């Protein structure tokens, strides 16, 4: 029974991500999510009492998996530059490999829902990313800035690369674009 319940909850969340990405948070009624997920409205509200709970819960789940995947192996690198390069590459490739989830997270981060989260929430599931950022900040032009500011400075170019790769449909050289974009940002931050 628990497996079936988890499958229903996962189906609702996956359907919500797809519809929210296509139609936006406000343009996606819960009735449509339930119908597309193959469950009743009551079942949807059993798992997610409100639409906001569905949005927030889905965001936390995706963010946790994303942070784990992006941070994997980063601590094996010797220098800040190598760690940041690995994290950069992992972040871009995660976005390209999970376009609906990536776009959902980006939409969430641009929505009023994000304002209700404490600032430390963004990086709590990403200790490798947090550690690499804070160590790197001490040696860059962002020294003394809050880590959230540095995170935004770094994630904006990552977003541009991810979107370019997704929209190109495979016509761009991903390895070259990832490497070149990292070098541009790294040089801008460190003047190396």
C-alpha atoms as a PDB file:
ATOM      1  CA  UNK A   1       0.000   0.000   0.000  1.00  0.00           C
ATOM      2  CA  UNK A   2       2.806   2.428   0.829  1.00  0.00           C
ATOM      3  CA  UNK A   3       4.380   1.901  -2.597  1.00  0.00           C
ATOM      4  CA  UNK A   4       1.112   2.780  -4.317  1.00  0.00           C
ATOM      5  CA  UNK A   5       0.733   5.888  -2.144  1.00  0.00           C
ATOM      6  CA  UNK A   6       4.279   7.006  -2.974  1.00  0.00           C
ATOM      7  CA  UNK A   7       3.626   6.400  -6.675  1.00  0.00           C
ATOM      8  CA  UNK A   8       0.477   8.561  -6.569  1.00  0.00           C
ATOM      9  CA  UNK A   9       2.278  11.337  -4.726  1.00  0.00           C
ATOM     10  CA  UNK A  10       5.200  11.166  -7.174  1.00  0.00           C
ATOM     11  CA  UNK A  11       2.807  11.190 -10.148  1.00  0.00           C
ATOM     12  CA  UNK A  12       1.049  14.273  -8.792  1.00  0.00           C
ATOM     13  CA  UNK A  13       4.371  16.081  -8.231  1.00  0.00           C
ATOM     14  CA  UNK A  14       5.758  15.125 -11.666  1.00  0.00           C
ATOM     15  CA  UNK A  15       2.562  16.251 -13.373  1.00  0.00           C
ATOM     16  CA  UNK A  16       2.595  19.488 -11.400  1.00  0.00           C
ATOM     17  CA  UNK A  17       6.179  20.214 -12.461  1.00  0.00           C
ATOM     18  CA  UNK A  18       5.340  19.681 -16.121  1.00  0.00           C
ATOM     19  CA  UNK A  19       2.175  21.803 -15.973  1.00  0.00           C
ATOM     20  CA  UNK A  20       3.690  24.568 -13.856  1.00  0.00           C
ATOM     21  CA  UNK A  21       6.579  24.762 -16.328  1.00  0.00           C
ATOM     22  CA  UNK A  22       4.193  24.944 -19.290  1.00  0.00           C
ATOM     23  CA  UNK A  23       1.472  27.152 -17.801  1.00  0.00           C
ATOM     24  CA  UNK A  24       2.931  28.905 -14.745  1.00  0.00           C
ATOM     25  CA  UNK A  25       1.871  28.599 -11.124  1.00  0.00           C
ATOM     26  CA  UNK A  26      -1.206  30.783 -11.424  1.00  0.00           C
ATOM     27  CA  UNK A  27      -2.246  29.371 -14.784  1.00  0.00           C
ATOM     28  CA  UNK A  28      -2.335  25.797 -13.513  1.00  0.00           C
ATOM     29  CA  UNK A  29      -5.412  24.833 -11.490  1.00  0.00           C
ATOM     30  CA  UNK A  30      -5.116  21.892  -9.113  1.00  0.00           C
ATOM     31  CA  UNK A  31      -8.064  20.267 -10.883  1.00  0.00           C
ATOM     32  CA  UNK A  32      -5.972  20.063 -14.072  1.00  0.00           C
ATOM     33  CA  UNK A  33      -3.018  18.596 -12.154  1.00  0.00           C
ATOM     34  CA  UNK A  34      -5.279  15.944 -10.601  1.00  0.00           C
ATOM     35  CA  UNK A  35      -6.875  15.070 -13.932  1.00  0.00           C
ATOM     36  CA  UNK A  36      -3.538  14.839 -15.767  1.00  0.00           C
ATOM     37  CA  UNK A  37      -2.044  12.768 -12.908  1.00  0.00           C
ATOM     38  CA  UNK A  38      -5.002  10.370 -13.042  1.00  0.00           C
ATOM     39  CA  UNK A  39      -6.197  11.034  -9.505  1.00  0.00           C
ATOM     40  CA  UNK A  40      -9.188  12.753  -7.942  1.00  0.00           C
ATOM     41  CA  UNK A  41      -9.037  16.259  -6.496  1.00  0.00           C
ATOM     42  CA  UNK A  42      -9.492  14.712  -3.062  1.00  0.00           C
ATOM     43  CA  UNK A  43      -6.447  12.503  -3.563  1.00  0.00           C
ATOM     44  CA  UNK A  44      -4.331  15.481  -4.622  1.00  0.00           C
ATOM     45  CA  UNK A  45      -5.413  17.426  -1.533  1.00  0.00           C
ATOM     46  CA  UNK A  46      -4.791  14.381   0.673  1.00  0.00           C
ATOM     47  CA  UNK A  47      -1.100  14.512  -0.262  1.00  0.00           C
ATOM     48  CA  UNK A  48      -0.847  18.294  -0.668  1.00  0.00           C
ATOM     49  CA  UNK A  49      -3.457  20.195   1.410  1.00  0.00           C
ATOM     50  CA  UNK A  50      -2.981  23.396  -0.618  1.00  0.00           C
ATOM     51  CA  UNK A  51      -1.572  24.399  -3.973  1.00  0.00           C
ATOM     52  CA  UNK A  52       1.159  26.322  -2.168  1.00  0.00           C
ATOM     53  CA  UNK A  53       2.073  23.170  -0.226  1.00  0.00           C
ATOM     54  CA  UNK A  54       2.307  21.273  -3.530  1.00  0.00           C
ATOM     55  CA  UNK A  55       4.583  23.950  -4.992  1.00  0.00           C
ATOM     56  CA  UNK A  56       6.808  24.210  -1.905  1.00  0.00           C
ATOM     57  CA  UNK A  57       7.030  20.471  -1.304  1.00  0.00           C
ATOM     58  CA  UNK A  58       7.921  19.841  -4.932  1.00  0.00           C
ATOM     59  CA  UNK A  59      10.556  22.579  -4.829  1.00  0.00           C
ATOM     60  CA  UNK A  60      12.184  21.128  -1.686  1.00  0.00           C
ATOM     61  CA  UNK A  61      12.232  17.624  -3.178  1.00  0.00           C
ATOM     62  CA  UNK A  62      13.782  18.758  -6.455  1.00  0.00           C
ATOM     63  CA  UNK A  63      16.257  21.087  -4.755  1.00  0.00           C
ATOM     64  CA  UNK A  64      17.426  18.329  -2.459  1.00  0.00           C
ATOM     65  CA  UNK A  65      18.041  15.874  -5.321  1.00  0.00           C
ATOM     66  CA  UNK A  66      19.617  18.579  -7.458  1.00  0.00           C
ATOM     67  CA  UNK A  67      22.009  19.660  -4.696  1.00  0.00           C
ATOM     68  CA  UNK A  68      23.027  16.082  -4.001  1.00  0.00           C
ATOM     69  CA  UNK A  69      23.773  15.370  -7.663  1.00  0.00           C
ATOM     70  CA  UNK A  70      25.588  18.649  -8.281  1.00  0.00           C
ATOM     71  CA  UNK A  71      27.714  18.355  -5.146  1.00  0.00           C
ATOM     72  CA  UNK A  72      28.713  14.739  -5.719  1.00  0.00           C
ATOM     73  CA  UNK A  73      32.469  14.410  -6.161  1.00  0.00           C
ATOM     74  CA  UNK A  74      33.231  18.090  -5.612  1.00  0.00           C
ATOM     75  CA  UNK A  75      35.210  17.411  -2.464  1.00  0.00           C
ATOM     76  CA  UNK A  76      37.627  15.203  -4.424  1.00  0.00           C
ATOM     77  CA  UNK A  77      39.093  18.224  -6.201  1.00  0.00           C
ATOM     78  CA  UNK A  78      42.212  19.837  -4.747  1.00  0.00           C
ATOM     79  CA  UNK A  79      41.804  23.528  -5.483  1.00  0.00           C
ATOM     80  CA  UNK A  80      38.908  25.960  -5.271  1.00  0.00           C
ATOM     81  CA  UNK A  81      39.142  26.453  -9.015  1.00  0.00           C
ATOM     82  CA  UNK A  82      38.860  22.712  -9.690  1.00  0.00           C
ATOM     83  CA  UNK A  83      35.947  22.351  -7.264  1.00  0.00           C
ATOM     84  CA  UNK A  84      34.123  25.322  -8.736  1.00  0.00           C
ATOM     85  CA  UNK A  85      34.733  24.029 -12.276  1.00  0.00           C
ATOM     86  CA  UNK A  86      33.299  20.623 -11.341  1.00  0.00           C
ATOM     87  CA  UNK A  87      30.303  22.193  -9.589  1.00  0.00           C
ATOM     88  CA  UNK A  88      29.729  24.498 -12.575  1.00  0.00           C
ATOM     89  CA  UNK A  89      29.773  21.603 -15.018  1.00  0.00           C
ATOM     90  CA  UNK A  90      27.558  19.460 -12.793  1.00  0.00           C
ATOM     91  CA  UNK A  91      25.032  22.270 -12.386  1.00  0.00           C
ATOM     92  CA  UNK A  92      24.796  22.890 -16.124  1.00  0.00           C
ATOM     93  CA  UNK A  93      24.521  19.210 -16.981  1.00  0.00           C
ATOM     94  CA  UNK A  94      21.885  18.645 -14.286  1.00  0.00           C
ATOM     95  CA  UNK A  95      19.774  21.420 -15.806  1.00  0.00           C
ATOM     96  CA  UNK A  96      20.157  20.034 -19.325  1.00  0.00           C
ATOM     97  CA  UNK A  97      19.358  16.492 -18.169  1.00  0.00           C
ATOM     98  CA  UNK A  98      16.303  17.603 -16.131  1.00  0.00           C
ATOM     99  CA  UNK A  99      14.816  20.502 -18.132  1.00  0.00           C
ATOM    100  CA  UNK A 100      11.319  20.489 -16.589  1.00  0.00           C
ATOM    101  CA  UNK A 101      12.651  20.326 -13.054  1.00  0.00           C
ATOM    102  CA  UNK A 102      15.274  22.953 -13.851  1.00  0.00           C
ATOM    103  CA  UNK A 103      12.679  25.332 -15.273  1.00  0.00           C
ATOM    104  CA  UNK A 104      10.400  24.673 -12.284  1.00  0.00           C
ATOM    105  CA  UNK A 105      13.196  25.643  -9.870  1.00  0.00           C
ATOM    106  CA  UNK A 106      13.956  28.780 -11.894  1.00  0.00           C
ATOM    107  CA  UNK A 107      10.274  29.716 -11.923  1.00  0.00           C
ATOM    108  CA  UNK A 108      10.050  29.127  -8.170  1.00  0.00           C
ATOM    109  CA  UNK A 109      13.110  31.298  -7.538  1.00  0.00           C
ATOM    110  CA  UNK A 110      11.490  34.135  -9.500  1.00  0.00           C
ATOM    111  CA  UNK A 111       8.116  33.827  -7.781  1.00  0.00           C
ATOM    112  CA  UNK A 112       6.646  35.307  -4.613  1.00  0.00           C
ATOM    113  CA  UNK A 113       6.944  31.850  -3.002  1.00  0.00           C
ATOM    114  CA  UNK A 114      10.701  32.245  -2.713  1.00  0.00           C
ATOM    115  CA  UNK A 115      10.329  35.404  -0.634  1.00  0.00           C
ATOM    116  CA  UNK A 116       8.719  33.320   2.082  1.00  0.00           C
ATOM    117  CA  UNK A 117      11.853  31.192   2.511  1.00  0.00           C
ATOM    118  CA  UNK A 118      14.724  32.104   4.815  1.00  0.00           C
ATOM    119  CA  UNK A 119      17.888  32.999   2.842  1.00  0.00           C
ATOM    120  CA  UNK A 120      19.848  30.062   4.254  1.00  0.00           C
ATOM    121  CA  UNK A 121      17.286  27.666   2.752  1.00  0.00           C
ATOM    122  CA  UNK A 122      18.822  27.964  -0.708  1.00  0.00           C
ATOM    123  CA  UNK A 123      22.106  26.321   0.193  1.00  0.00           C
ATOM    124  CA  UNK A 124      21.232  24.103   3.161  1.00  0.00           C
ATOM    125  CA  UNK A 125      21.012  20.963   1.028  1.00  0.00           C
ATOM    126  CA  UNK A 126      24.207  21.775  -0.820  1.00  0.00           C
ATOM    127  CA  UNK A 127      27.110  21.651   1.653  1.00  0.00           C
ATOM    128  CA  UNK A 128      29.703  21.063  -1.085  1.00  0.00           C
ATOM    129  CA  UNK A 129      28.433  24.057  -3.046  1.00  0.00           C
ATOM    130  CA  UNK A 130      28.236  26.213   0.092  1.00  0.00           C
ATOM    131  CA  UNK A 131      31.774  25.267   1.156  1.00  0.00           C
ATOM    132  CA  UNK A 132      33.231  25.886  -2.296  1.00  0.00           C
ATOM    133  CA  UNK A 133      31.463  29.244  -2.569  1.00  0.00           C
ATOM    134  CA  UNK A 134      32.501  30.483   0.860  1.00  0.00           C
ATOM    135  CA  UNK A 135      36.127  29.421   0.356  1.00  0.00           C
ATOM    136  CA  UNK A 136      36.236  30.978  -3.099  1.00  0.00           C
ATOM    137  CA  UNK A 137      34.586  34.213  -1.951  1.00  0.00           C
ATOM    138  CA  UNK A 138      37.509  35.003   0.321  1.00  0.00           C
ATOM    139  CA  UNK A 139      39.765  35.269  -2.716  1.00  0.00           C
ATOM    140  CA  UNK A 140      37.496  37.074  -5.176  1.00  0.00           C
ATOM    141  CA  UNK A 141      36.046  40.484  -5.861  1.00  0.00           C
ATOM    142  CA  UNK A 142      32.961  39.303  -3.933  1.00  0.00           C
ATOM    143  CA  UNK A 143      34.937  39.082  -0.667  1.00  0.00           C
ATOM    144  CA  UNK A 144      32.740  40.177   2.223  1.00  0.00           C
ATOM    145  CA  UNK A 145      29.501  39.766   0.253  1.00  0.00           C
ATOM    146  CA  UNK A 146      26.729  37.541   1.584  1.00  0.00           C
ATOM    147  CA  UNK A 147      26.917  34.046   0.113  1.00  0.00           C
ATOM    148  CA  UNK A 148      23.416  34.503  -1.342  1.00  0.00           C
ATOM    149  CA  UNK A 149      24.704  37.402  -3.489  1.00  0.00           C
ATOM    150  CA  UNK A 150      27.637  35.327  -4.724  1.00  0.00           C
ATOM    151  CA  UNK A 151      25.288  32.435  -5.432  1.00  0.00           C
ATOM    152  CA  UNK A 152      23.116  34.722  -7.590  1.00  0.00           C
ATOM    153  CA  UNK A 153      26.137  36.123  -9.427  1.00  0.00           C
ATOM    154  CA  UNK A 154      27.271  32.604 -10.273  1.00  0.00           C
ATOM    155  CA  UNK A 155      23.893  31.037 -11.041  1.00  0.00           C
ATOM    156  CA  UNK A 156      22.786  33.672 -13.547  1.00  0.00           C
ATOM    157  CA  UNK A 157      25.437  32.695 -16.128  1.00  0.00           C
ATOM    158  CA  UNK A 158      24.762  29.017 -15.409  1.00  0.00           C
ATOM    159  CA  UNK A 159      21.115  29.679 -16.231  1.00  0.00           C
ATOM    160  CA  UNK A 160      22.097  31.297 -19.533  1.00  0.00           C
ATOM    161  CA  UNK A 161      24.225  28.284 -20.473  1.00  0.00           C
ATOM    162  CA  UNK A 162      21.544  25.758 -19.476  1.00  0.00           C
ATOM    163  CA  UNK A 163      18.850  27.580 -21.437  1.00  0.00           C
ATOM    164  CA  UNK A 164      21.111  27.899 -24.476  1.00  0.00           C
ATOM    165  CA  UNK A 165      21.888  24.189 -24.432  1.00  0.00           C
ATOM    166  CA  UNK A 166      18.252  23.186 -23.933  1.00  0.00           C
ATOM    167  CA  UNK A 167      17.005  25.509 -26.673  1.00  0.00           C
ATOM    168  CA  UNK A 168      19.724  24.424 -29.121  1.00  0.00           C
ATOM    169  CA  UNK A 169      18.437  20.865 -29.111  1.00  0.00           C
ATOM    170  CA  UNK A 170      21.974  19.510 -29.162  1.00  0.00           C
ATOM    171  CA  UNK A 171      23.324  21.847 -31.855  1.00  0.00           C
ATOM    172  CA  UNK A 172      25.848  23.492 -29.504  1.00  0.00           C
ATOM    173  CA  UNK A 173      29.099  21.969 -28.272  1.00  0.00           C
ATOM    174  CA  UNK A 174      28.146  21.554 -24.613  1.00  0.00           C
ATOM    175  CA  UNK A 175      31.648  20.813 -23.344  1.00  0.00           C
ATOM    176  CA  UNK A 176      33.079  23.877 -25.041  1.00  0.00           C
ATOM    177  CA  UNK A 177      30.273  26.179 -23.862  1.00  0.00           C
ATOM    178  CA  UNK A 178      30.496  24.902 -20.289  1.00  0.00           C
ATOM    179  CA  UNK A 179      34.285  25.323 -20.188  1.00  0.00           C
ATOM    180  CA  UNK A 180      34.265  28.767 -21.826  1.00  0.00           C
ATOM    181  CA  UNK A 181      31.483  30.125 -19.618  1.00  0.00           C
ATOM    182  CA  UNK A 182      33.229  28.887 -16.487  1.00  0.00           C
ATOM    183  CA  UNK A 183      36.482  30.549 -17.543  1.00  0.00           C
ATOM    184  CA  UNK A 184      34.734  33.862 -18.169  1.00  0.00           C
ATOM    185  CA  UNK A 185      33.061  33.861 -14.745  1.00  0.00           C
ATOM    186  CA  UNK A 186      36.138  32.561 -12.911  1.00  0.00           C
ATOM    187  CA  UNK A 187      38.364  35.235 -14.453  1.00  0.00           C
ATOM    188  CA  UNK A 188      35.799  37.895 -13.638  1.00  0.00           C
ATOM    189  CA  UNK A 189      35.639  36.802 -10.009  1.00  0.00           C
ATOM    190  CA  UNK A 190      39.312  36.119  -9.387  1.00  0.00           C
ATOM    191  CA  UNK A 191      41.187  38.107 -12.066  1.00  0.00           C
ATOM    192  CA  UNK A 192      43.241  34.931 -12.711  1.00  0.00           C
END
